[in-house]
Amino acid sequence: MNITHLEHAVIGMFIQTLLWPVTGRWVAGALVVAVFLGREIAQHEMAGGGANQVDYFYGMFHHWSMDSILDILTPIFACTLLAIAIPGSPLWKKKARFHALLPAKAKEQETEKREKARP
């Protein structure tokens, strides 16, 4: 890994937070990843001689290295982590519902204990 992978992750999360109110967290992350993927494909087309010199799918199948793969995977990981970790995601809502029910269940259990204790 090099510094560009970290830069891609930070830039991706920044753009995701800017787009978040307009498109939602998952769509914003997908748009960011699509931009980075398109950028990498364009760079591979240029390495093959330019867009006019190569076939249509040339950039998708040629010149990929571990560095270019990580340039895509780090924003995917960072944007996914951001979408899951920030409150408001479905996981947080499920957890909030659980905690909202907790005091009611505790009261029910308390009354059940009292009823069982009565002769």
C-alpha atoms as a PDB file:
ATOM      1  CA  MET A   1       0.000   0.000   0.000  1.00  0.00           C
ATOM      2  CA  ASN A   2       1.081   3.525  -0.668  1.00  0.00           C
ATOM      3  CA  ILE A   3      -0.227   6.989   0.144  1.00  0.00           C
ATOM      4  CA  THR A   4      -2.521   7.140  -2.907  1.00  0.00           C
ATOM      5  CA  HIS A   5      -4.690   4.387  -1.476  1.00  0.00           C
ATOM      6  CA  LEU A   6      -5.222   6.388   1.712  1.00  0.00           C
ATOM      7  CA  GLU A   7      -5.862   9.512  -0.367  1.00  0.00           C
ATOM      8  CA  HIS A   8      -8.492   7.704  -2.426  1.00  0.00           C
ATOM      9  CA  ALA A   9     -10.218   6.483   0.731  1.00  0.00           C
ATOM     10  CA  VAL A  10     -10.262   9.944   2.343  1.00  0.00           C
ATOM     11  CA  ILE A  11     -11.393  11.695  -0.850  1.00  0.00           C
ATOM     12  CA  GLY A  12     -14.056   9.040  -1.375  1.00  0.00           C
ATOM     13  CA  MET A  13     -15.441   9.454   2.140  1.00  0.00           C
ATOM     14  CA  PHE A  14     -15.390  13.248   1.782  1.00  0.00           C
ATOM     15  CA  ILE A  15     -17.356  13.150  -1.475  1.00  0.00           C
ATOM     16  CA  GLN A  16     -19.722  10.583   0.024  1.00  0.00           C
ATOM     17  CA  THR A  17     -20.517  12.913   2.928  1.00  0.00           C
ATOM     18  CA  LEU A  18     -21.156  15.765   0.485  1.00  0.00           C
ATOM     19  CA  LEU A  19     -23.558  13.674  -1.611  1.00  0.00           C
ATOM     20  CA  TRP A  20     -25.159  11.952   1.375  1.00  0.00           C
ATOM     21  CA  PRO A  21     -28.011  14.439   2.012  1.00  0.00           C
ATOM     22  CA  VAL A  22     -28.982  14.454  -1.658  1.00  0.00           C
ATOM     23  CA  THR A  23     -28.719  10.795  -2.646  1.00  0.00           C
ATOM     24  CA  GLY A  24     -28.476   8.756   0.549  1.00  0.00           C
ATOM     25  CA  ARG A  25     -25.491   6.987   2.013  1.00  0.00           C
ATOM     26  CA  TRP A  26     -25.366   3.900  -0.211  1.00  0.00           C
ATOM     27  CA  VAL A  27     -25.946   5.672  -3.516  1.00  0.00           C
ATOM     28  CA  ALA A  28     -23.369   8.306  -2.603  1.00  0.00           C
ATOM     29  CA  GLY A  29     -20.803   5.600  -1.891  1.00  0.00           C
ATOM     30  CA  ALA A  30     -21.624   3.812  -5.143  1.00  0.00           C
ATOM     31  CA  LEU A  31     -21.198   7.042  -7.118  1.00  0.00           C
ATOM     32  CA  VAL A  32     -17.822   7.681  -5.539  1.00  0.00           C
ATOM     33  CA  VAL A  33     -16.619   4.160  -6.318  1.00  0.00           C
ATOM     34  CA  ALA A  34     -17.908   4.465  -9.891  1.00  0.00           C
ATOM     35  CA  VAL A  35     -15.877   7.643 -10.378  1.00  0.00           C
ATOM     36  CA  PHE A  36     -12.702   5.974  -9.097  1.00  0.00           C
ATOM     37  CA  LEU A  37     -13.347   2.898 -11.244  1.00  0.00           C
ATOM     38  CA  GLY A  38     -13.862   5.057 -14.337  1.00  0.00           C
ATOM     39  CA  ARG A  39     -10.665   6.925 -13.566  1.00  0.00           C
ATOM     40  CA  GLU A  40      -8.673   3.699 -13.326  1.00  0.00           C
ATOM     41  CA  ILE A  41     -10.150   2.346 -16.566  1.00  0.00           C
ATOM     42  CA  ALA A  42      -9.296   5.620 -18.339  1.00  0.00           C
ATOM     43  CA  GLN A  43      -5.715   5.417 -17.074  1.00  0.00           C
ATOM     44  CA  HIS A  44      -5.426   1.869 -18.437  1.00  0.00           C
ATOM     45  CA  GLU A  45      -6.774   2.981 -21.810  1.00  0.00           C
ATOM     46  CA  MET A  46      -4.158   5.731 -21.903  1.00  0.00           C
ATOM     47  CA  ALA A  47      -1.457   3.186 -21.089  1.00  0.00           C
ATOM     48  CA  GLY A  48      -2.597   1.235 -24.164  1.00  0.00           C
ATOM     49  CA  GLY A  49      -2.256   4.224 -26.471  1.00  0.00           C
ATOM     50  CA  GLY A  50      -5.360   6.285 -25.815  1.00  0.00           C
ATOM     51  CA  ALA A  51      -9.078   5.798 -26.190  1.00  0.00           C
ATOM     52  CA  ASN A  52      -9.010   6.078 -30.002  1.00  0.00           C
ATOM     53  CA  GLN A  53      -6.248   3.486 -30.370  1.00  0.00           C
ATOM     54  CA  VAL A  54      -7.665   0.618 -28.300  1.00  0.00           C
ATOM     55  CA  ASP A  55     -10.772  -1.577 -28.295  1.00  0.00           C
ATOM     56  CA  TYR A  56     -13.866  -0.703 -26.304  1.00  0.00           C
ATOM     57  CA  PHE A  57     -13.186  -2.883 -23.255  1.00  0.00           C
ATOM     58  CA  TYR A  58      -9.391  -2.562 -23.334  1.00  0.00           C
ATOM     59  CA  GLY A  59      -9.140  -0.561 -20.097  1.00  0.00           C
ATOM     60  CA  MET A  60     -11.166  -3.100 -18.159  1.00  0.00           C
ATOM     61  CA  PHE A  61      -8.949  -6.073 -18.958  1.00  0.00           C
ATOM     62  CA  HIS A  62      -5.390  -4.790 -19.505  1.00  0.00           C
ATOM     63  CA  HIS A  63      -2.691  -3.139 -17.371  1.00  0.00           C
ATOM     64  CA  TRP A  64      -4.265  -3.953 -13.999  1.00  0.00           C
ATOM     65  CA  SER A  65      -1.789  -4.249 -11.143  1.00  0.00           C
ATOM     66  CA  MET A  66      -2.161  -4.690  -7.408  1.00  0.00           C
ATOM     67  CA  ASP A  67      -1.728  -0.917  -7.041  1.00  0.00           C
ATOM     68  CA  SER A  68      -4.620  -0.118  -9.373  1.00  0.00           C
ATOM     69  CA  ILE A  69      -6.817  -2.775  -7.753  1.00  0.00           C
ATOM     70  CA  LEU A  70      -6.134  -1.268  -4.320  1.00  0.00           C
ATOM     71  CA  ASP A  71      -6.958   2.179  -5.742  1.00  0.00           C
ATOM     72  CA  ILE A  72     -10.485   0.823  -6.199  1.00  0.00           C
ATOM     73  CA  LEU A  73     -10.766  -1.425  -3.137  1.00  0.00           C
ATOM     74  CA  THR A  74      -9.791   1.188  -0.549  1.00  0.00           C
ATOM     75  CA  PRO A  75     -12.634   3.607  -1.471  1.00  0.00           C
ATOM     76  CA  ILE A  76     -15.041   0.651  -1.569  1.00  0.00           C
ATOM     77  CA  PHE A  77     -14.008  -0.392   1.925  1.00  0.00           C
ATOM     78  CA  ALA A  78     -13.970   3.158   3.320  1.00  0.00           C
ATOM     79  CA  CYS A  79     -17.347   4.169   1.857  1.00  0.00           C
ATOM     80  CA  THR A  80     -18.972   0.925   2.986  1.00  0.00           C
ATOM     81  CA  LEU A  81     -17.566   1.340   6.483  1.00  0.00           C
ATOM     82  CA  LEU A  82     -18.792   4.935   6.617  1.00  0.00           C
ATOM     83  CA  ALA A  83     -22.282   3.979   5.445  1.00  0.00           C
ATOM     84  CA  ILE A  84     -22.546   1.239   8.075  1.00  0.00           C
ATOM     85  CA  ALA A  85     -20.892   3.032  11.001  1.00  0.00           C
ATOM     86  CA  ILE A  86     -22.700   6.372  10.988  1.00  0.00           C
ATOM     87  CA  PRO A  87     -25.948   6.538  12.989  1.00  0.00           C
ATOM     88  CA  GLY A  88     -28.959   6.422  10.743  1.00  0.00           C
ATOM     89  CA  SER A  89     -27.931   3.270   8.944  1.00  0.00           C
ATOM     90  CA  PRO A  90     -30.271   0.266   9.218  1.00  0.00           C
ATOM     91  CA  LEU A  91     -27.963  -1.421  11.728  1.00  0.00           C
ATOM     92  CA  TRP A  92     -28.142   1.576  14.066  1.00  0.00           C
ATOM     93  CA  LYS A  93     -31.917   1.768  13.698  1.00  0.00           C
ATOM     94  CA  LYS A  94     -32.242  -1.887  14.630  1.00  0.00           C
ATOM     95  CA  LYS A  95     -30.012  -1.336  17.655  1.00  0.00           C
ATOM     96  CA  ALA A  96     -32.032   1.733  18.694  1.00  0.00           C
ATOM     97  CA  ARG A  97     -35.273  -0.256  18.485  1.00  0.00           C
ATOM     98  CA  PHE A  98     -33.732  -2.948  20.658  1.00  0.00           C
ATOM     99  CA  HIS A  99     -32.653  -0.424  23.292  1.00  0.00           C
ATOM    100  CA  ALA A 100     -36.049   1.267  23.220  1.00  0.00           C
ATOM    101  CA  LEU A 101     -37.670  -2.062  24.044  1.00  0.00           C
ATOM    102  CA  LEU A 102     -35.175  -2.877  26.779  1.00  0.00           C
ATOM    103  CA  PRO A 103     -36.793  -0.909  29.649  1.00  0.00           C
ATOM    104  CA  ALA A 104     -40.233  -2.303  28.787  1.00  0.00           C
ATOM    105  CA  LYS A 105     -38.917  -5.863  28.837  1.00  0.00           C
ATOM    106  CA  ALA A 106     -37.162  -5.231  32.115  1.00  0.00           C
ATOM    107  CA  LYS A 107     -40.439  -3.998  33.628  1.00  0.00           C
ATOM    108  CA  GLU A 108     -42.271  -7.059  32.301  1.00  0.00           C
ATOM    109  CA  GLN A 109     -39.705  -9.366  33.801  1.00  0.00           C
ATOM    110  CA  GLU A 110     -39.930  -7.510  37.109  1.00  0.00           C
ATOM    111  CA  THR A 111     -43.722  -7.881  37.251  1.00  0.00           C
ATOM    112  CA  GLU A 112     -43.462 -11.574  36.300  1.00  0.00           C
ATOM    113  CA  LYS A 113     -41.060 -12.142  39.187  1.00  0.00           C
ATOM    114  CA  ARG A 114     -43.431 -10.380  41.593  1.00  0.00           C
ATOM    115  CA  GLU A 115     -46.398 -12.451  40.383  1.00  0.00           C
ATOM    116  CA  LYS A 116     -44.473 -15.691  40.769  1.00  0.00           C
ATOM    117  CA  ALA A 117     -43.385 -14.664  44.257  1.00  0.00           C
ATOM    118  CA  ARG A 118     -47.014 -14.159  45.398  1.00  0.00           C
ATOM    119  CA  PRO A 119     -48.629 -17.230  47.010  1.00  0.00           C
END
